[in-house]
mmCIF file of all heavy atoms, coordinates in Angstrom:
data_MODEL
# 
_entry.id   MODEL 
# 
loop_
_atom_site.group_PDB 
_atom_site.id 
_atom_site.type_symbol 
_atom_site.label_atom_id 
_atom_site.label_alt_id 
_atom_site.label_comp_id 
_atom_site.label_asym_id 
_atom_site.label_entity_id 
_atom_site.label_seq_id 
_atom_site.pdbx_PDB_ins_code 
_atom_site.Cartn_x 
_atom_site.Cartn_y 
_atom_site.Cartn_z 
_atom_site.occupancy 
_atom_site.B_iso_or_equiv 
_atom_site.pdbx_formal_charge 
_atom_site.auth_seq_id 
_atom_site.auth_comp_id 
_atom_site.auth_asym_id 
_atom_site.auth_atom_id 
_atom_site.pdbx_PDB_model_num 
ATOM 1   N N   . SER A 1 1  ? 4.590   19.123 -18.963 1.00 0.00 ? 1  SER A N   1 
ATOM 2   C CA  . SER A 1 1  ? 5.814   19.573 -19.615 1.00 0.00 ? 1  SER A CA  1 
ATOM 3   C C   . SER A 1 1  ? 5.891   18.942 -20.999 1.00 0.00 ? 1  SER A C   1 
ATOM 4   O O   . SER A 1 1  ? 5.170   17.988 -21.286 1.00 0.00 ? 1  SER A O   1 
ATOM 5   C CB  . SER A 1 1  ? 7.048   19.198 -18.782 1.00 0.00 ? 1  SER A CB  1 
ATOM 6   O OG  . SER A 1 1  ? 7.141   17.791 -18.641 1.00 0.00 ? 1  SER A OG  1 
ATOM 7   N N   . ARG A 1 2  ? 6.750   19.489 -21.841 1.00 0.00 ? 2  ARG A N   1 
ATOM 8   C CA  . ARG A 1 2  ? 6.894   18.918 -23.175 1.00 0.00 ? 2  ARG A CA  1 
ATOM 9   C C   . ARG A 1 2  ? 8.358   18.819 -23.562 1.00 0.00 ? 2  ARG A C   1 
ATOM 10  O O   . ARG A 1 2  ? 9.168   19.671 -23.186 1.00 0.00 ? 2  ARG A O   1 
ATOM 11  C CB  . ARG A 1 2  ? 6.085   19.707 -24.210 1.00 0.00 ? 2  ARG A CB  1 
ATOM 12  C CG  . ARG A 1 2  ? 6.474   21.126 -24.479 1.00 0.00 ? 2  ARG A CG  1 
ATOM 13  C CD  . ARG A 1 2  ? 5.416   21.859 -25.347 1.00 0.00 ? 2  ARG A CD  1 
ATOM 14  N NE  . ARG A 1 2  ? 5.085   21.132 -26.553 1.00 0.00 ? 2  ARG A NE  1 
ATOM 15  C CZ  . ARG A 1 2  ? 4.022   21.398 -27.323 1.00 0.00 ? 2  ARG A CZ  1 
ATOM 16  N NH1 . ARG A 1 2  ? 3.192   22.375 -26.980 1.00 0.00 ? 2  ARG A NH1 1 
ATOM 17  N NH2 . ARG A 1 2  ? 3.780   20.685 -28.408 1.00 0.00 ? 2  ARG A NH2 1 
ATOM 18  N N   . ASP A 1 3  ? 8.673   17.753 -24.295 1.00 0.00 ? 3  ASP A N   1 
ATOM 19  C CA  . ASP A 1 3  ? 10.000  17.550 -24.846 1.00 0.00 ? 3  ASP A CA  1 
ATOM 20  C C   . ASP A 1 3  ? 9.826   17.584 -26.358 1.00 0.00 ? 3  ASP A C   1 
ATOM 21  O O   . ASP A 1 3  ? 9.394   16.593 -26.963 1.00 0.00 ? 3  ASP A O   1 
ATOM 22  C CB  . ASP A 1 3  ? 10.574  16.207 -24.382 1.00 0.00 ? 3  ASP A CB  1 
ATOM 23  C CG  . ASP A 1 3  ? 11.993  15.967 -24.864 1.00 0.00 ? 3  ASP A CG  1 
ATOM 24  O OD1 . ASP A 1 3  ? 12.388  16.542 -25.895 1.00 0.00 ? 3  ASP A OD1 1 
ATOM 25  O OD2 . ASP A 1 3  ? 12.712  15.187 -24.229 1.00 0.00 ? 3  ASP A OD2 1 
ATOM 26  N N   . ASN A 1 4  ? 10.159  18.701 -26.954 1.00 0.00 ? 4  ASN A N   1 
ATOM 27  C CA  . ASN A 1 4  ? 9.879   18.874 -28.375 1.00 0.00 ? 4  ASN A CA  1 
ATOM 28  C C   . ASN A 1 4  ? 10.729  17.973 -29.253 1.00 0.00 ? 4  ASN A C   1 
ATOM 29  O O   . ASN A 1 4  ? 10.310  17.557 -30.323 1.00 0.00 ? 4  ASN A O   1 
ATOM 30  C CB  . ASN A 1 4  ? 10.082  20.337 -28.774 1.00 0.00 ? 4  ASN A CB  1 
ATOM 31  C CG  . ASN A 1 4  ? 9.146   21.244 -28.024 1.00 0.00 ? 4  ASN A CG  1 
ATOM 32  O OD1 . ASN A 1 4  ? 7.975   20.933 -27.844 1.00 0.00 ? 4  ASN A OD1 1 
ATOM 33  N ND2 . ASN A 1 4  ? 9.649   22.375 -27.565 1.00 0.00 ? 4  ASN A ND2 1 
ATOM 34  N N   . ALA A 1 5  ? 11.930  17.643 -28.789 1.00 0.00 ? 5  ALA A N   1 
ATOM 35  C CA  . ALA A 1 5  ? 12.803  16.766 -29.563 1.00 0.00 ? 5  ALA A CA  1 
ATOM 36  C C   . ALA A 1 5  ? 12.209  15.365 -29.676 1.00 0.00 ? 5  ALA A C   1 
ATOM 37  O O   . ALA A 1 5  ? 12.484  14.638 -30.637 1.00 0.00 ? 5  ALA A O   1 
ATOM 38  C CB  . ALA A 1 5  ? 14.180  16.704 -28.929 1.00 0.00 ? 5  ALA A CB  1 
ATOM 39  N N   . LYS A 1 6  ? 11.391  14.993 -28.690 1.00 0.00 ? 6  LYS A N   1 
ATOM 40  C CA  . LYS A 1 6  ? 10.785  13.666 -28.675 1.00 0.00 ? 6  LYS A CA  1 
ATOM 41  C C   . LYS A 1 6  ? 9.310   13.697 -29.048 1.00 0.00 ? 6  LYS A C   1 
ATOM 42  O O   . LYS A 1 6  ? 8.633   12.661 -28.978 1.00 0.00 ? 6  LYS A O   1 
ATOM 43  C CB  . LYS A 1 6  ? 10.944  13.031 -27.294 1.00 0.00 ? 6  LYS A CB  1 
ATOM 44  C CG  . LYS A 1 6  ? 12.377  12.775 -26.892 1.00 0.00 ? 6  LYS A CG  1 
ATOM 45  C CD  . LYS A 1 6  ? 12.457  12.117 -25.523 1.00 0.00 ? 6  LYS A CD  1 
ATOM 46  C CE  . LYS A 1 6  ? 13.900  11.829 -25.132 1.00 0.00 ? 6  LYS A CE  1 
ATOM 47  N NZ  . LYS A 1 6  ? 13.998  11.189 -23.788 1.00 0.00 ? 6  LYS A NZ  1 
ATOM 48  N N   . ASN A 1 7  ? 8.799   14.872 -29.414 1.00 0.00 ? 7  ASN A N   1 
ATOM 49  C CA  . ASN A 1 7  ? 7.363   15.008 -29.711 1.00 0.00 ? 7  ASN A CA  1 
ATOM 50  C C   . ASN A 1 7  ? 6.516   14.391 -28.601 1.00 0.00 ? 7  ASN A C   1 
ATOM 51  O O   . ASN A 1 7  ? 5.596   13.602 -28.843 1.00 0.00 ? 7  ASN A O   1 
ATOM 52  C CB  . ASN A 1 7  ? 7.023   14.353 -31.050 1.00 0.00 ? 7  ASN A CB  1 
ATOM 53  C CG  . ASN A 1 7  ? 7.393   15.232 -32.226 1.00 0.00 ? 7  ASN A CG  1 
ATOM 54  O OD1 . ASN A 1 7  ? 7.971   16.305 -32.048 1.00 0.00 ? 7  ASN A OD1 1 
ATOM 55  N ND2 . ASN A 1 7  ? 7.089   14.789 -33.418 1.00 0.00 ? 7  ASN A ND2 1 
ATOM 56  N N   . THR A 1 8  ? 6.830   14.773 -27.400 1.00 0.00 ? 8  THR A N   1 
ATOM 57  C CA  . THR A 1 8  ? 6.206   14.157 -26.226 1.00 0.00 ? 8  THR A CA  1 
ATOM 58  C C   . THR A 1 8  ? 5.776   15.219 -25.231 1.00 0.00 ? 8  THR A C   1 
ATOM 59  O O   . THR A 1 8  ? 6.486   16.212 -25.022 1.00 0.00 ? 8  THR A O   1 
ATOM 60  C CB  . THR A 1 8  ? 7.188   13.186 -25.552 1.00 0.00 ? 8  THR A CB  1 
ATOM 61  O OG1 . THR A 1 8  ? 7.555   12.162 -26.491 1.00 0.00 ? 8  THR A OG1 1 
ATOM 62  C CG2 . THR A 1 8  ? 6.569   12.533 -24.331 1.00 0.00 ? 8  THR A CG2 1 
ATOM 63  N N   . VAL A 1 9  ? 4.631   14.994 -24.629 1.00 0.00 ? 9  VAL A N   1 
ATOM 64  C CA  . VAL A 1 9  ? 4.145   15.809 -23.517 1.00 0.00 ? 9  VAL A CA  1 
ATOM 65  C C   . VAL A 1 9  ? 3.931   14.881 -22.324 1.00 0.00 ? 9  VAL A C   1 
ATOM 66  O O   . VAL A 1 9  ? 3.384   13.783 -22.474 1.00 0.00 ? 9  VAL A O   1 
ATOM 67  C CB  . VAL A 1 9  ? 2.847   16.538 -23.881 1.00 0.00 ? 9  VAL A CB  1 
ATOM 68  C CG1 . VAL A 1 9  ? 2.250   17.216 -22.661 1.00 0.00 ? 9  VAL A CG1 1 
ATOM 69  C CG2 . VAL A 1 9  ? 3.110   17.575 -24.970 1.00 0.00 ? 9  VAL A CG2 1 
ATOM 70  N N   . TYR A 1 10 ? 4.371   15.330 -21.168 1.00 0.00 ? 10 TYR A N   1 
ATOM 71  C CA  . TYR A 1 10 ? 4.274   14.541 -19.941 1.00 0.00 ? 10 TYR A CA  1 
ATOM 72  C C   . TYR A 1 10 ? 3.275   15.191 -18.988 1.00 0.00 ? 10 TYR A C   1 
ATOM 73  O O   . TYR A 1 10 ? 3.122   16.412 -18.961 1.00 0.00 ? 10 TYR A O   1 
ATOM 74  C CB  . TYR A 1 10 ? 5.624   14.456 -19.248 1.00 0.00 ? 10 TYR A CB  1 
ATOM 75  C CG  . TYR A 1 10 ? 6.721   13.885 -20.104 1.00 0.00 ? 10 TYR A CG  1 
ATOM 76  C CD1 . TYR A 1 10 ? 7.613   14.724 -20.773 1.00 0.00 ? 10 TYR A CD1 1 
ATOM 77  C CD2 . TYR A 1 10 ? 6.876   12.518 -20.251 1.00 0.00 ? 10 TYR A CD2 1 
ATOM 78  C CE1 . TYR A 1 10 ? 8.622   14.207 -21.559 1.00 0.00 ? 10 TYR A CE1 1 
ATOM 79  C CE2 . TYR A 1 10 ? 7.885   11.988 -21.036 1.00 0.00 ? 10 TYR A CE2 1 
ATOM 80  C CZ  . TYR A 1 10 ? 8.753   12.835 -21.688 1.00 0.00 ? 10 TYR A CZ  1 
ATOM 81  O OH  . TYR A 1 10 ? 9.755   12.321 -22.466 1.00 0.00 ? 10 TYR A OH  1 
ATOM 82  N N   . LEU A 1 11 ? 2.649   14.354 -18.200 1.00 0.00 ? 11 LEU A N   1 
ATOM 83  C CA  . LEU A 1 11 ? 1.826   14.838 -17.090 1.00 0.00 ? 11 LEU A CA  1 
ATOM 84  C C   . LEU A 1 11 ? 2.306   14.119 -15.834 1.00 0.00 ? 11 LEU A C   1 
ATOM 85  O O   . LEU A 1 11 ? 2.025   12.938 -15.648 1.00 0.00 ? 11 LEU A O   1 
ATOM 86  C CB  . LEU A 1 11 ? 0.342   14.579 -17.326 1.00 0.00 ? 11 LEU A CB  1 
ATOM 87  C CG  . LEU A 1 11 ? -0.587  15.160 -16.264 1.00 0.00 ? 11 LEU A CG  1 
ATOM 88  C CD1 . LEU A 1 11 ? -0.570  16.691 -16.322 1.00 0.00 ? 11 LEU A CD1 1 
ATOM 89  C CD2 . LEU A 1 11 ? -2.017  14.647 -16.420 1.00 0.00 ? 11 LEU A CD2 1 
ATOM 90  N N   . GLN A 1 12 ? 3.066   14.837 -15.023 1.00 0.00 ? 12 GLN A N   1 
ATOM 91  C CA  . GLN A 1 12 ? 3.544   14.294 -13.769 1.00 0.00 ? 12 GLN A CA  1 
ATOM 92  C C   . GLN A 1 12 ? 2.449   14.492 -12.726 1.00 0.00 ? 12 GLN A C   1 
ATOM 93  O O   . GLN A 1 12 ? 2.033   15.628 -12.469 1.00 0.00 ? 12 GLN A O   1 
ATOM 94  C CB  . GLN A 1 12 ? 4.830   15.009 -13.334 1.00 0.00 ? 12 GLN A CB  1 
ATOM 95  C CG  . GLN A 1 12 ? 5.330   14.632 -11.944 1.00 0.00 ? 12 GLN A CG  1 
ATOM 96  C CD  . GLN A 1 12 ? 5.810   13.193 -11.870 1.00 0.00 ? 12 GLN A CD  1 
ATOM 97  O OE1 . GLN A 1 12 ? 6.518   12.725 -12.760 1.00 0.00 ? 12 GLN A OE1 1 
ATOM 98  N NE2 . GLN A 1 12 ? 5.426   12.490 -10.813 1.00 0.00 ? 12 GLN A NE2 1 
ATOM 99  N N   . MET A 1 13 ? 2.012   13.407 -12.120 1.00 0.00 ? 13 MET A N   1 
ATOM 100 C CA  . MET A 1 13 ? 0.912   13.458 -11.165 1.00 0.00 ? 13 MET A CA  1 
ATOM 101 C C   . MET A 1 13 ? 1.410   12.975 -9.808  1.00 0.00 ? 13 MET A C   1 
ATOM 102 O O   . MET A 1 13 ? 1.820   11.829 -9.666  1.00 0.00 ? 13 MET A O   1 
ATOM 103 C CB  . MET A 1 13 ? -0.255  12.580 -11.635 1.00 0.00 ? 13 MET A CB  1 
ATOM 104 C CG  . MET A 1 13 ? -0.711  12.898 -13.049 1.00 0.00 ? 13 MET A CG  1 
ATOM 105 S SD  . MET A 1 13 ? -2.205  12.000 -13.532 1.00 0.00 ? 13 MET A SD  1 
ATOM 106 C CE  . MET A 1 13 ? -1.596  10.320 -13.515 1.00 0.00 ? 13 MET A CE  1 
ATOM 107 N N   . ASN A 1 14 ? 1.390   13.872 -8.843  1.00 0.00 ? 14 ASN A N   1 
ATOM 108 C CA  . ASN A 1 14 ? 1.809   13.552 -7.480  1.00 0.00 ? 14 ASN A CA  1 
ATOM 109 C C   . ASN A 1 14 ? 0.627   13.688 -6.527  1.00 0.00 ? 14 ASN A C   1 
ATOM 110 O O   . ASN A 1 14 ? -0.371  14.348 -6.844  1.00 0.00 ? 14 ASN A O   1 
ATOM 111 C CB  . ASN A 1 14 ? 2.922   14.497 -7.037  1.00 0.00 ? 14 ASN A CB  1 
ATOM 112 C CG  . ASN A 1 14 ? 4.164   14.391 -7.909  1.00 0.00 ? 14 ASN A CG  1 
ATOM 113 O OD1 . ASN A 1 14 ? 4.528   13.306 -8.383  1.00 0.00 ? 14 ASN A OD1 1 
ATOM 114 N ND2 . ASN A 1 14 ? 4.831   15.517 -8.131  1.00 0.00 ? 14 ASN A ND2 1 
ATOM 115 N N   . GLY A 1 15 ? 0.754   13.100 -5.365  1.00 0.00 ? 15 GLY A N   1 
ATOM 116 C CA  . GLY A 1 15 ? -0.315  13.220 -4.377  1.00 0.00 ? 15 GLY A CA  1 
ATOM 117 C C   . GLY A 1 15 ? -1.654  12.743 -4.888  1.00 0.00 ? 15 GLY A C   1 
ATOM 118 O O   . GLY A 1 15 ? -2.681  13.374 -4.643  1.00 0.00 ? 15 GLY A O   1 
ATOM 119 N N   . LEU A 1 16 ? -1.644  11.628 -5.586  1.00 0.00 ? 16 LEU A N   1 
ATOM 120 C CA  . LEU A 1 16 ? -2.872  11.163 -6.238  1.00 0.00 ? 16 LEU A CA  1 
ATOM 121 C C   . LEU A 1 16 ? -3.951  10.817 -5.219  1.00 0.00 ? 16 LEU A C   1 
ATOM 122 O O   . LEU A 1 16 ? -3.667  10.301 -4.126  1.00 0.00 ? 16 LEU A O   1 
ATOM 123 C CB  . LEU A 1 16 ? -2.560  9.981  -7.140  1.00 0.00 ? 16 LEU A CB  1 
ATOM 124 C CG  . LEU A 1 16 ? -1.895  10.379 -8.463  1.00 0.00 ? 16 LEU A CG  1 
ATOM 125 C CD1 . LEU A 1 16 ? -1.226  9.182  -9.120  1.00 0.00 ? 16 LEU A CD1 1 
ATOM 126 C CD2 . LEU A 1 16 ? -2.911  11.001 -9.402  1.00 0.00 ? 16 LEU A CD2 1 
ATOM 127 N N   . LYS A 1 17 ? -5.191  11.111 -5.611  1.00 0.00 ? 17 LYS A N   1 
ATOM 128 C CA  . LYS A 1 17 ? -6.357  10.861 -4.782  1.00 0.00 ? 17 LYS A CA  1 
ATOM 129 C C   . LYS A 1 17 ? -7.307  9.928  -5.530  1.00 0.00 ? 17 LYS A C   1 
ATOM 130 O O   . LYS A 1 17 ? -7.236  9.818  -6.765  1.00 0.00 ? 17 LYS A O   1 
ATOM 131 C CB  . LYS A 1 17 ? -7.071  12.177 -4.487  1.00 0.00 ? 17 LYS A CB  1 
ATOM 132 C CG  . LYS A 1 17 ? -6.192  13.249 -3.879  1.00 0.00 ? 17 LYS A CG  1 
ATOM 133 C CD  . LYS A 1 17 ? -6.959  14.555 -3.734  1.00 0.00 ? 17 LYS A CD  1 
ATOM 134 C CE  . LYS A 1 17 ? -6.075  15.656 -3.164  1.00 0.00 ? 17 LYS A CE  1 
ATOM 135 N NZ  . LYS A 1 17 ? -6.818  16.940 -3.024  1.00 0.00 ? 17 LYS A NZ  1 
ATOM 136 N N   . ALA A 1 18 ? -8.212  9.340  -4.792  1.00 0.00 ? 18 ALA A N   1 
ATOM 137 C CA  . ALA A 1 18 ? -9.181  8.440  -5.414  1.00 0.00 ? 18 ALA A CA  1 
ATOM 138 C C   . ALA A 1 18 ? -9.968  9.155  -6.514  1.00 0.00 ? 18 ALA A C   1 
ATOM 139 O O   . ALA A 1 18 ? -10.293 8.561  -7.542  1.00 0.00 ? 18 ALA A O   1 
ATOM 140 C CB  . ALA A 1 18 ? -10.123 7.872  -4.357  1.00 0.00 ? 18 ALA A CB  1 
ATOM 141 N N   . GLU A 1 19 ? -10.243 10.419 -6.301  1.00 0.00 ? 19 GLU A N   1 
ATOM 142 C CA  . GLU A 1 19 ? -11.023 11.177 -7.291  1.00 0.00 ? 19 GLU A CA  1 
ATOM 143 C C   . GLU A 1 19 ? -10.244 11.499 -8.558  1.00 0.00 ? 19 GLU A C   1 
ATOM 144 O O   . GLU A 1 19 ? -10.800 12.044 -9.504  1.00 0.00 ? 19 GLU A O   1 
ATOM 145 C CB  . GLU A 1 19 ? -11.573 12.470 -6.686  1.00 0.00 ? 19 GLU A CB  1 
ATOM 146 C CG  . GLU A 1 19 ? -10.559 13.317 -5.962  1.00 0.00 ? 19 GLU A CG  1 
ATOM 147 C CD  . GLU A 1 19 ? -10.562 13.063 -4.459  1.00 0.00 ? 19 GLU A CD  1 
ATOM 148 O OE1 . GLU A 1 19 ? -10.626 11.881 -4.052  1.00 0.00 ? 19 GLU A OE1 1 
ATOM 149 O OE2 . GLU A 1 19 ? -10.462 14.055 -3.702  1.00 0.00 ? 19 GLU A OE2 1 
ATOM 150 N N   . ASP A 1 20 ? -8.968  11.150 -8.600  1.00 0.00 ? 20 ASP A N   1 
ATOM 151 C CA  . ASP A 1 20 ? -8.189  11.301 -9.833  1.00 0.00 ? 20 ASP A CA  1 
ATOM 152 C C   . ASP A 1 20 ? -8.360  10.095 -10.761 1.00 0.00 ? 20 ASP A C   1 
ATOM 153 O O   . ASP A 1 20 ? -7.866  10.102 -11.889 1.00 0.00 ? 20 ASP A O   1 
ATOM 154 C CB  . ASP A 1 20 ? -6.706  11.467 -9.517  1.00 0.00 ? 20 ASP A CB  1 
ATOM 155 C CG  . ASP A 1 20 ? -6.394  12.753 -8.789  1.00 0.00 ? 20 ASP A CG  1 
ATOM 156 O OD1 . ASP A 1 20 ? -6.964  13.800 -9.162  1.00 0.00 ? 20 ASP A OD1 1 
ATOM 157 O OD2 . ASP A 1 20 ? -5.589  12.720 -7.838  1.00 0.00 ? 20 ASP A OD2 1 
ATOM 158 N N   . THR A 1 21 ? -9.055  9.093  -10.284 1.00 0.00 ? 21 THR A N   1 
ATOM 159 C CA  . THR A 1 21 ? -9.285  7.892  -11.095 1.00 0.00 ? 21 THR A CA  1 
ATOM 160 C C   . THR A 1 21 ? -10.070 8.218  -12.350 1.00 0.00 ? 21 THR A C   1 
ATOM 161 O O   . THR A 1 21 ? -11.040 8.975  -12.305 1.00 0.00 ? 21 THR A O   1 
ATOM 162 C CB  . THR A 1 21 ? -10.040 6.841  -10.264 1.00 0.00 ? 21 THR A CB  1 
ATOM 163 O OG1 . THR A 1 21 ? -9.193  6.398  -9.200  1.00 0.00 ? 21 THR A OG1 1 
ATOM 164 C CG2 . THR A 1 21 ? -10.438 5.647  -11.113 1.00 0.00 ? 21 THR A CG2 1 
ATOM 165 N N   . GLY A 1 22 ? -9.650  7.626  -13.467 1.00 0.00 ? 22 GLY A N   1 
ATOM 166 C CA  . GLY A 1 22 ? -10.371 7.827  -14.706 1.00 0.00 ? 22 GLY A CA  1 
ATOM 167 C C   . GLY A 1 22 ? -9.514  7.464  -15.907 1.00 0.00 ? 22 GLY A C   1 
ATOM 168 O O   . GLY A 1 22 ? -8.340  7.110  -15.762 1.00 0.00 ? 22 GLY A O   1 
ATOM 169 N N   . GLU A 1 23 ? -10.122 7.572  -17.076 1.00 0.00 ? 23 GLU A N   1 
ATOM 170 C CA  . GLU A 1 23 ? -9.393  7.398  -18.318 1.00 0.00 ? 23 GLU A CA  1 
ATOM 171 C C   . GLU A 1 23 ? -8.813  8.756  -18.692 1.00 0.00 ? 23 GLU A C   1 
ATOM 172 O O   . GLU A 1 23 ? -9.538  9.758  -18.723 1.00 0.00 ? 23 GLU A O   1 
ATOM 173 C CB  . GLU A 1 23 ? -10.349 6.906  -19.420 1.00 0.00 ? 23 GLU A CB  1 
ATOM 174 C CG  . GLU A 1 23 ? -9.669  6.465  -20.693 1.00 0.00 ? 23 GLU A CG  1 
ATOM 175 C CD  . GLU A 1 23 ? -9.065  5.074  -20.599 1.00 0.00 ? 23 GLU A CD  1 
ATOM 176 O OE1 . GLU A 1 23 ? -9.328  4.370  -19.608 1.00 0.00 ? 23 GLU A OE1 1 
ATOM 177 O OE2 . GLU A 1 23 ? -8.335  4.696  -21.540 1.00 0.00 ? 23 GLU A OE2 1 
ATOM 178 N N   . TYR A 1 24 ? -7.521  8.786  -18.956 1.00 0.00 ? 24 TYR A N   1 
ATOM 179 C CA  . TYR A 1 24 ? -6.837  10.031 -19.269 1.00 0.00 ? 24 TYR A CA  1 
ATOM 180 C C   . TYR A 1 24 ? -6.507  10.074 -20.757 1.00 0.00 ? 24 TYR A C   1 
ATOM 181 O O   . TYR A 1 24 ? -5.969  9.107  -21.315 1.00 0.00 ? 24 TYR A O   1 
ATOM 182 C CB  . TYR A 1 24 ? -5.554  10.160 -18.444 1.00 0.00 ? 24 TYR A CB  1 
ATOM 183 C CG  . TYR A 1 24 ? -5.802  10.610 -17.030 1.00 0.00 ? 24 TYR A CG  1 
ATOM 184 C CD1 . TYR A 1 24 ? -6.426  9.773  -16.106 1.00 0.00 ? 24 TYR A CD1 1 
ATOM 185 C CD2 . TYR A 1 24 ? -5.419  11.872 -16.604 1.00 0.00 ? 24 TYR A CD2 1 
ATOM 186 C CE1 . TYR A 1 24 ? -6.678  10.188 -14.812 1.00 0.00 ? 24 TYR A CE1 1 
ATOM 187 C CE2 . TYR A 1 24 ? -5.650  12.304 -15.303 1.00 0.00 ? 24 TYR A CE2 1 
ATOM 188 C CZ  . TYR A 1 24 ? -6.281  11.450 -14.424 1.00 0.00 ? 24 TYR A CZ  1 
ATOM 189 O OH  . TYR A 1 24 ? -6.513  11.878 -13.133 1.00 0.00 ? 24 TYR A OH  1 
ATOM 190 N N   . TYR A 1 25 ? -6.826  11.200 -21.358 1.00 0.00 ? 25 TYR A N   1 
ATOM 191 C CA  . TYR A 1 25 ? -6.618  11.402 -22.782 1.00 0.00 ? 25 TYR A CA  1 
ATOM 192 C C   . TYR A 1 25 ? -5.758  12.628 -23.029 1.00 0.00 ? 25 TYR A C   1 
ATOM 193 O O   . TYR A 1 25 ? -5.886  13.627 -22.311 1.00 0.00 ? 25 TYR A O   1 
ATOM 194 C CB  . TYR A 1 25 ? -7.960  11.641 -23.491 1.00 0.00 ? 25 TYR A CB  1 
ATOM 195 C CG  . TYR A 1 25 ? -8.974  10.554 -23.321 1.00 0.00 ? 25 TYR A CG  1 
ATOM 196 C CD1 . TYR A 1 25 ? -9.844  10.547 -22.239 1.00 0.00 ? 25 TYR A CD1 1 
ATOM 197 C CD2 . TYR A 1 25 ? -9.076  9.521  -24.260 1.00 0.00 ? 25 TYR A CD2 1 
ATOM 198 C CE1 . TYR A 1 25 ? -10.787 9.545  -22.088 1.00 0.00 ? 25 TYR A CE1 1 
ATOM 199 C CE2 . TYR A 1 25 ? -10.026 8.517  -24.120 1.00 0.00 ? 25 TYR A CE2 1 
ATOM 200 C CZ  . TYR A 1 25 ? -10.869 8.544  -23.020 1.00 0.00 ? 25 TYR A CZ  1 
ATOM 201 O OH  . TYR A 1 25 ? -11.800 7.545  -22.880 1.00 0.00 ? 25 TYR A OH  1 
ATOM 202 N N   . CYS A 1 26 ? -4.921  12.568 -24.055 1.00 0.00 ? 26 CYS A N   1 
ATOM 203 C CA  . CYS A 1 26 ? -4.287  13.785 -24.518 1.00 0.00 ? 26 CYS A CA  1 
ATOM 204 C C   . CYS A 1 26 ? -4.918  14.182 -25.852 1.00 0.00 ? 26 CYS A C   1 
ATOM 205 O O   . CYS A 1 26 ? -5.478  13.347 -26.568 1.00 0.00 ? 26 CYS A O   1 
ATOM 206 C CB  . CYS A 1 26 ? -2.774  13.654 -24.631 1.00 0.00 ? 26 CYS A CB  1 
ATOM 207 S SG  . CYS A 1 26 ? -2.161  12.476 -25.830 1.00 0.00 ? 26 CYS A SG  1 
ATOM 208 N N   . ALA A 1 27 ? -4.843  15.472 -26.129 1.00 0.00 ? 27 ALA A N   1 
ATOM 209 C CA  . ALA A 1 27 ? -5.483  16.012 -27.320 1.00 0.00 ? 27 ALA A CA  1 
ATOM 210 C C   . ALA A 1 27 ? -4.644  17.168 -27.859 1.00 0.00 ? 27 ALA A C   1 
ATOM 211 O O   . ALA A 1 27 ? -3.890  17.797 -27.111 1.00 0.00 ? 27 ALA A O   1 
ATOM 212 C CB  . ALA A 1 27 ? -6.892  16.484 -26.999 1.00 0.00 ? 27 ALA A CB  1 
ATOM 213 N N   . ALA A 1 28 ? -4.806  17.456 -29.146 1.00 0.00 ? 28 ALA A N   1 
ATOM 214 C CA  . ALA A 1 28 ? -4.037  18.508 -29.795 1.00 0.00 ? 28 ALA A CA  1 
ATOM 215 C C   . ALA A 1 28 ? -4.960  19.515 -30.468 1.00 0.00 ? 28 ALA A C   1 
ATOM 216 O O   . ALA A 1 28 ? -6.028  19.157 -30.963 1.00 0.00 ? 28 ALA A O   1 
ATOM 217 C CB  . ALA A 1 28 ? -3.091  17.911 -30.841 1.00 0.00 ? 28 ALA A CB  1 
ATOM 218 N N   . THR A 1 29 ? -4.532  20.771 -30.477 1.00 0.00 ? 29 THR A N   1 
ATOM 219 C CA  . THR A 1 29 ? -5.249  21.819 -31.180 1.00 0.00 ? 29 THR A CA  1 
ATOM 220 C C   . THR A 1 29 ? -4.271  22.715 -31.914 1.00 0.00 ? 29 THR A C   1 
ATOM 221 O O   . THR A 1 29 ? -3.200  23.033 -31.390 1.00 0.00 ? 29 THR A O   1 
ATOM 222 C CB  . THR A 1 29 ? -6.099  22.669 -30.227 1.00 0.00 ? 29 THR A CB  1 
ATOM 223 O OG1 . THR A 1 29 ? -6.687  23.758 -30.960 1.00 0.00 ? 29 THR A OG1 1 
ATOM 224 C CG2 . THR A 1 29 ? -5.280  23.242 -29.085 1.00 0.00 ? 29 THR A CG2 1 
ATOM 225 N N   . SER A 1 30 ? -4.652  23.138 -33.101 1.00 0.00 ? 30 SER A N   1 
ATOM 226 C CA  . SER A 1 30 ? -3.816  24.044 -33.873 1.00 0.00 ? 30 SER A CA  1 
ATOM 227 C C   . SER A 1 30 ? -3.913  25.474 -33.347 1.00 0.00 ? 30 SER A C   1 
ATOM 228 O O   . SER A 1 30 ? -3.125  26.333 -33.732 1.00 0.00 ? 30 SER A O   1 
ATOM 229 C CB  . SER A 1 30 ? -4.229  24.007 -35.347 1.00 0.00 ? 30 SER A CB  1 
ATOM 230 O OG  . SER A 1 30 ? -5.595  24.362 -35.487 1.00 0.00 ? 30 SER A OG  1 
# 
């Protein structure tokens, strides 16, 4: 989801599994 007033994007992660482990990055594209 994104909150444009805060220039923020969220990633809500539920039901996490061991295979979700890792370094998480956000990225932008025009």
